[in-house]
């Protein structure tokens, strides 16, 4: 049995794509997942599954959400080992930063520097980003809402053909903890 985190993109943000967490837990339990828990209202769930892998589980959840709520919601699924590796590989001093200053953008597949070649890194200082395994680490000292670098990184061109969803560092740490089993 493996414990996973499901990251739902763009639900319950600004009153759009409303998915009550109790309904999400019920949907996931009915789909056969175990120990379903949600975290916050912004689209995180932790669950166990005996079958499948990250990609197939994400596909199942995406289809179930569309069927139940009529919403086309992108879902990424990551296991505990991956979340731990993301935390451990963080290139920024996470222990000295506030959770709102550090973010992780999770991708549906591998990304490389070429995808972001048009972003002039020097133009956004002191903001910075670094790439990892299917993740982009973003240091935004004034928070994501004020980050000009975040806007540049999330352009349609940069994210063409890939699903991306961002979480602050507090959420990344909490999901790692919740998936620890």
C-alpha atoms as a PDB file:
ATOM      1  CA  UNK A   1       0.000   0.000   0.000  1.00  0.00           C
ATOM      2  CA  UNK A   2       1.419   3.375  -1.029  1.00  0.00           C
ATOM      3  CA  UNK A   3       0.436   6.781   0.326  1.00  0.00           C
ATOM      4  CA  UNK A   4       0.053   9.573  -2.215  1.00  0.00           C
ATOM      5  CA  UNK A   5      -0.754  13.259  -2.375  1.00  0.00           C
ATOM      6  CA  UNK A   6      -3.152  14.451  -5.057  1.00  0.00           C
ATOM      7  CA  UNK A   7      -2.600  18.034  -6.189  1.00  0.00           C
ATOM      8  CA  UNK A   8      -5.679  19.456  -7.884  1.00  0.00           C
ATOM      9  CA  UNK A   9      -4.976  22.458 -10.071  1.00  0.00           C
ATOM     10  CA  UNK A  10      -7.136  25.547  -9.844  1.00  0.00           C
ATOM     11  CA  UNK A  11      -9.967  24.495  -7.558  1.00  0.00           C
ATOM     12  CA  UNK A  12     -11.544  26.730  -4.918  1.00  0.00           C
ATOM     13  CA  UNK A  13      -9.488  29.712  -6.082  1.00  0.00           C
ATOM     14  CA  UNK A  14     -11.309  33.034  -6.208  1.00  0.00           C
ATOM     15  CA  UNK A  15     -14.673  31.295  -5.922  1.00  0.00           C
ATOM     16  CA  UNK A  16     -14.111  29.315  -9.119  1.00  0.00           C
ATOM     17  CA  UNK A  17     -14.219  25.558  -9.669  1.00  0.00           C
ATOM     18  CA  UNK A  18     -15.800  24.902  -6.285  1.00  0.00           C
ATOM     19  CA  UNK A  19     -15.148  21.432  -4.935  1.00  0.00           C
ATOM     20  CA  UNK A  20     -16.120  20.991  -1.281  1.00  0.00           C
ATOM     21  CA  UNK A  21     -13.458  18.964   0.503  1.00  0.00           C
ATOM     22  CA  UNK A  22     -16.056  16.655   2.074  1.00  0.00           C
ATOM     23  CA  UNK A  23     -17.335  15.860  -1.419  1.00  0.00           C
ATOM     24  CA  UNK A  24     -13.787  15.281  -2.664  1.00  0.00           C
ATOM     25  CA  UNK A  25     -13.118  12.873   0.197  1.00  0.00           C
ATOM     26  CA  UNK A  26     -16.371  11.029  -0.565  1.00  0.00           C
ATOM     27  CA  UNK A  27     -15.555  10.795  -4.279  1.00  0.00           C
ATOM     28  CA  UNK A  28     -12.100   9.395  -3.575  1.00  0.00           C
ATOM     29  CA  UNK A  29     -13.385   6.908  -1.009  1.00  0.00           C
ATOM     30  CA  UNK A  30     -16.080   5.717  -3.435  1.00  0.00           C
ATOM     31  CA  UNK A  31     -13.348   5.277  -6.078  1.00  0.00           C
ATOM     32  CA  UNK A  32     -11.671   2.766  -3.772  1.00  0.00           C
ATOM     33  CA  UNK A  33      -8.876   4.825  -2.266  1.00  0.00           C
ATOM     34  CA  UNK A  34      -8.112   4.397   1.414  1.00  0.00           C
ATOM     35  CA  UNK A  35      -7.359   6.727   4.313  1.00  0.00           C
ATOM     36  CA  UNK A  36      -8.522   9.771   2.322  1.00  0.00           C
ATOM     37  CA  UNK A  37      -7.754  13.107   3.952  1.00  0.00           C
ATOM     38  CA  UNK A  38      -7.785  16.610   2.550  1.00  0.00           C
ATOM     39  CA  UNK A  39      -5.496  19.461   3.437  1.00  0.00           C
ATOM     40  CA  UNK A  40      -6.752  23.037   3.302  1.00  0.00           C
ATOM     41  CA  UNK A  41      -9.430  24.041   0.802  1.00  0.00           C
ATOM     42  CA  UNK A  42      -7.158  24.633  -2.161  1.00  0.00           C
ATOM     43  CA  UNK A  43      -6.933  21.183  -3.649  1.00  0.00           C
ATOM     44  CA  UNK A  44      -4.755  18.718  -1.784  1.00  0.00           C
ATOM     45  CA  UNK A  45      -5.765  15.229  -0.775  1.00  0.00           C
ATOM     46  CA  UNK A  46      -3.755  12.407   0.751  1.00  0.00           C
ATOM     47  CA  UNK A  47      -4.795   8.809   0.177  1.00  0.00           C
ATOM     48  CA  UNK A  48      -3.578   5.234  -0.050  1.00  0.00           C
ATOM     49  CA  UNK A  49      -3.841   2.958  -3.050  1.00  0.00           C
ATOM     50  CA  UNK A  50      -2.879  -0.635  -3.668  1.00  0.00           C
ATOM     51  CA  UNK A  51      -2.902  -0.323  -7.434  1.00  0.00           C
ATOM     52  CA  UNK A  52      -1.678   2.044 -10.077  1.00  0.00           C
ATOM     53  CA  UNK A  53       1.092   4.565 -10.391  1.00  0.00           C
ATOM     54  CA  UNK A  54       1.177   8.345 -10.182  1.00  0.00           C
ATOM     55  CA  UNK A  55       0.085   8.889 -13.765  1.00  0.00           C
ATOM     56  CA  UNK A  56      -2.761   6.358 -13.820  1.00  0.00           C
ATOM     57  CA  UNK A  57      -4.059   7.518 -10.443  1.00  0.00           C
ATOM     58  CA  UNK A  58      -4.022  11.140 -11.648  1.00  0.00           C
ATOM     59  CA  UNK A  59      -5.981  10.090 -14.747  1.00  0.00           C
ATOM     60  CA  UNK A  60      -8.561   8.249 -12.648  1.00  0.00           C
ATOM     61  CA  UNK A  61      -9.039  11.235 -10.364  1.00  0.00           C
ATOM     62  CA  UNK A  62      -9.288  13.670 -13.264  1.00  0.00           C
ATOM     63  CA  UNK A  63     -12.023  11.540 -14.881  1.00  0.00           C
ATOM     64  CA  UNK A  64     -13.900  11.107 -11.575  1.00  0.00           C
ATOM     65  CA  UNK A  65     -13.840  14.864 -10.889  1.00  0.00           C
ATOM     66  CA  UNK A  66     -15.192  15.639 -14.341  1.00  0.00           C
ATOM     67  CA  UNK A  67     -17.928  13.038 -14.014  1.00  0.00           C
ATOM     68  CA  UNK A  68     -19.001  14.126 -10.521  1.00  0.00           C
ATOM     69  CA  UNK A  69     -18.529  17.906 -10.672  1.00  0.00           C
ATOM     70  CA  UNK A  70     -18.468  18.619 -14.413  1.00  0.00           C
ATOM     71  CA  UNK A  71     -15.059  20.252 -14.017  1.00  0.00           C
ATOM     72  CA  UNK A  72     -11.993  19.640 -16.143  1.00  0.00           C
ATOM     73  CA  UNK A  73      -9.436  19.687 -13.325  1.00  0.00           C
ATOM     74  CA  UNK A  74      -5.804  18.785 -13.864  1.00  0.00           C
ATOM     75  CA  UNK A  75      -4.508  16.460 -11.161  1.00  0.00           C
ATOM     76  CA  UNK A  76      -0.950  15.488 -10.301  1.00  0.00           C
ATOM     77  CA  UNK A  77      -0.272  12.600  -7.929  1.00  0.00           C
ATOM     78  CA  UNK A  78       3.007  12.237  -6.051  1.00  0.00           C
ATOM     79  CA  UNK A  79       4.125   9.689  -3.472  1.00  0.00           C
ATOM     80  CA  UNK A  80       5.944  10.295  -0.198  1.00  0.00           C
ATOM     81  CA  UNK A  81       9.388   9.384  -1.532  1.00  0.00           C
ATOM     82  CA  UNK A  82       9.070  11.983  -4.285  1.00  0.00           C
ATOM     83  CA  UNK A  83       7.861  14.695  -1.903  1.00  0.00           C
ATOM     84  CA  UNK A  84      10.711  13.918   0.488  1.00  0.00           C
ATOM     85  CA  UNK A  85      13.193  14.100  -2.391  1.00  0.00           C
ATOM     86  CA  UNK A  86      11.773  17.478  -3.446  1.00  0.00           C
ATOM     87  CA  UNK A  87      12.238  18.825   0.081  1.00  0.00           C
ATOM     88  CA  UNK A  88      15.725  17.405   0.430  1.00  0.00           C
ATOM     89  CA  UNK A  89      16.852  18.726  -2.967  1.00  0.00           C
ATOM     90  CA  UNK A  90      15.627  22.273  -2.359  1.00  0.00           C
ATOM     91  CA  UNK A  91      18.402  24.600  -3.529  1.00  0.00           C
ATOM     92  CA  UNK A  92      17.261  27.447  -1.275  1.00  0.00           C
ATOM     93  CA  UNK A  93      17.667  27.731   2.527  1.00  0.00           C
ATOM     94  CA  UNK A  94      14.111  26.596   3.275  1.00  0.00           C
ATOM     95  CA  UNK A  95      14.712  26.434   7.021  1.00  0.00           C
ATOM     96  CA  UNK A  96      15.530  30.164   7.071  1.00  0.00           C
ATOM     97  CA  UNK A  97      12.671  31.343   4.853  1.00  0.00           C
ATOM     98  CA  UNK A  98       9.000  31.911   5.504  1.00  0.00           C
ATOM     99  CA  UNK A  99       6.733  29.415   3.759  1.00  0.00           C
ATOM    100  CA  UNK A 100       5.248  32.184   1.615  1.00  0.00           C
ATOM    101  CA  UNK A 101       8.687  33.051   0.223  1.00  0.00           C
ATOM    102  CA  UNK A 102       9.431  29.627  -1.236  1.00  0.00           C
ATOM    103  CA  UNK A 103       7.256  27.723  -3.676  1.00  0.00           C
ATOM    104  CA  UNK A 104       7.372  24.496  -5.617  1.00  0.00           C
ATOM    105  CA  UNK A 105       5.728  24.211  -9.008  1.00  0.00           C
ATOM    106  CA  UNK A 106       5.090  20.565  -9.759  1.00  0.00           C
ATOM    107  CA  UNK A 107       5.071  19.441 -13.392  1.00  0.00           C
ATOM    108  CA  UNK A 108       3.401  16.477 -15.060  1.00  0.00           C
ATOM    109  CA  UNK A 109       6.682  15.536 -16.701  1.00  0.00           C
ATOM    110  CA  UNK A 110      10.356  16.417 -16.888  1.00  0.00           C
ATOM    111  CA  UNK A 111      11.330  19.986 -17.740  1.00  0.00           C
ATOM    112  CA  UNK A 112      14.665  21.419 -18.748  1.00  0.00           C
ATOM    113  CA  UNK A 113      16.335  24.808 -18.753  1.00  0.00           C
ATOM    114  CA  UNK A 114      15.521  25.322 -22.425  1.00  0.00           C
ATOM    115  CA  UNK A 115      11.812  25.617 -21.609  1.00  0.00           C
ATOM    116  CA  UNK A 116      12.575  28.778 -19.624  1.00  0.00           C
ATOM    117  CA  UNK A 117      15.403  30.115 -21.817  1.00  0.00           C
ATOM    118  CA  UNK A 118      13.423  33.263 -22.688  1.00  0.00           C
ATOM    119  CA  UNK A 119      13.207  34.271 -19.011  1.00  0.00           C
ATOM    120  CA  UNK A 120      15.925  36.801 -18.203  1.00  0.00           C
ATOM    121  CA  UNK A 121      16.880  35.592 -14.726  1.00  0.00           C
ATOM    122  CA  UNK A 122      18.799  38.766 -13.901  1.00  0.00           C
ATOM    123  CA  UNK A 123      15.792  40.997 -14.566  1.00  0.00           C
ATOM    124  CA  UNK A 124      13.825  39.656 -11.595  1.00  0.00           C
ATOM    125  CA  UNK A 125      16.300  39.810  -8.701  1.00  0.00           C
ATOM    126  CA  UNK A 126      16.196  39.077  -5.873  1.00  0.00           C
ATOM    127  CA  UNK A 127      13.674  36.509  -7.081  1.00  0.00           C
ATOM    128  CA  UNK A 128      15.210  33.266  -8.343  1.00  0.00           C
ATOM    129  CA  UNK A 129      14.208  29.860  -9.641  1.00  0.00           C
ATOM    130  CA  UNK A 130      15.899  26.511 -10.024  1.00  0.00           C
ATOM    131  CA  UNK A 131      14.742  23.307 -11.658  1.00  0.00           C
ATOM    132  CA  UNK A 132      14.626  19.853 -10.125  1.00  0.00           C
ATOM    133  CA  UNK A 133      12.993  16.518 -10.894  1.00  0.00           C
ATOM    134  CA  UNK A 134       9.575  17.520 -12.309  1.00  0.00           C
ATOM    135  CA  UNK A 135       9.636  20.579 -10.047  1.00  0.00           C
ATOM    136  CA  UNK A 136      10.577  24.235 -10.191  1.00  0.00           C
ATOM    137  CA  UNK A 137      11.717  25.873  -6.964  1.00  0.00           C
ATOM    138  CA  UNK A 138      10.827  29.570  -6.766  1.00  0.00           C
ATOM    139  CA  UNK A 139      12.227  32.008  -4.240  1.00  0.00           C
ATOM    140  CA  UNK A 140       9.914  35.023  -4.127  1.00  0.00           C
ATOM    141  CA  UNK A 141      10.776  37.103  -1.036  1.00  0.00           C
ATOM    142  CA  UNK A 142       7.622  39.249  -1.301  1.00  0.00           C
ATOM    143  CA  UNK A 143       5.339  36.269  -1.897  1.00  0.00           C
ATOM    144  CA  UNK A 144       3.820  34.671  -4.975  1.00  0.00           C
ATOM    145  CA  UNK A 145       1.113  37.297  -5.464  1.00  0.00           C
ATOM    146  CA  UNK A 146       3.697  40.033  -5.994  1.00  0.00           C
ATOM    147  CA  UNK A 147       6.167  37.947  -7.952  1.00  0.00           C
ATOM    148  CA  UNK A 148       6.925  39.148 -11.461  1.00  0.00           C
ATOM    149  CA  UNK A 149       9.160  36.139 -11.992  1.00  0.00           C
ATOM    150  CA  UNK A 150       6.277  33.781 -11.209  1.00  0.00           C
ATOM    151  CA  UNK A 151       4.217  35.471 -13.930  1.00  0.00           C
ATOM    152  CA  UNK A 152       7.036  35.088 -16.447  1.00  0.00           C
ATOM    153  CA  UNK A 153       7.544  31.431 -15.534  1.00  0.00           C
ATOM    154  CA  UNK A 154       3.855  30.615 -15.920  1.00  0.00           C
ATOM    155  CA  UNK A 155       3.482  31.966 -19.450  1.00  0.00           C
ATOM    156  CA  UNK A 156       1.630  29.798 -21.942  1.00  0.00           C
ATOM    157  CA  UNK A 157       4.818  29.388 -23.937  1.00  0.00           C
ATOM    158  CA  UNK A 158       6.847  28.181 -20.953  1.00  0.00           C
ATOM    159  CA  UNK A 159       4.187  25.709 -19.851  1.00  0.00           C
ATOM    160  CA  UNK A 160       2.998  24.517 -23.273  1.00  0.00           C
ATOM    161  CA  UNK A 161       2.112  20.836 -23.229  1.00  0.00           C
ATOM    162  CA  UNK A 162       2.639  20.309 -19.523  1.00  0.00           C
ATOM    163  CA  UNK A 163       0.459  20.434 -16.423  1.00  0.00           C
ATOM    164  CA  UNK A 164       1.839  22.639 -13.664  1.00  0.00           C
ATOM    165  CA  UNK A 165       0.540  23.467 -10.206  1.00  0.00           C
ATOM    166  CA  UNK A 166       2.239  25.501  -7.492  1.00  0.00           C
ATOM    167  CA  UNK A 167       2.261  25.086  -3.722  1.00  0.00           C
ATOM    168  CA  UNK A 168       3.964  27.165  -1.049  1.00  0.00           C
ATOM    169  CA  UNK A 169       6.684  25.531   1.005  1.00  0.00           C
ATOM    170  CA  UNK A 170       4.483  25.120   4.084  1.00  0.00           C
ATOM    171  CA  UNK A 171       2.110  22.994   2.002  1.00  0.00           C
ATOM    172  CA  UNK A 172       4.959  20.975   0.468  1.00  0.00           C
ATOM    173  CA  UNK A 173       6.287  20.142   3.944  1.00  0.00           C
ATOM    174  CA  UNK A 174       2.828  19.281   5.244  1.00  0.00           C
ATOM    175  CA  UNK A 175       2.090  16.977   2.306  1.00  0.00           C
ATOM    176  CA  UNK A 176       5.395  15.215   2.847  1.00  0.00           C
ATOM    177  CA  UNK A 177       4.472  14.745   6.495  1.00  0.00           C
ATOM    178  CA  UNK A 178       0.938  13.521   5.710  1.00  0.00           C
ATOM    179  CA  UNK A 179       2.168  10.989   3.147  1.00  0.00           C
ATOM    180  CA  UNK A 180       4.750   9.566   5.538  1.00  0.00           C
ATOM    181  CA  UNK A 181       2.171   6.993   6.566  1.00  0.00           C
END
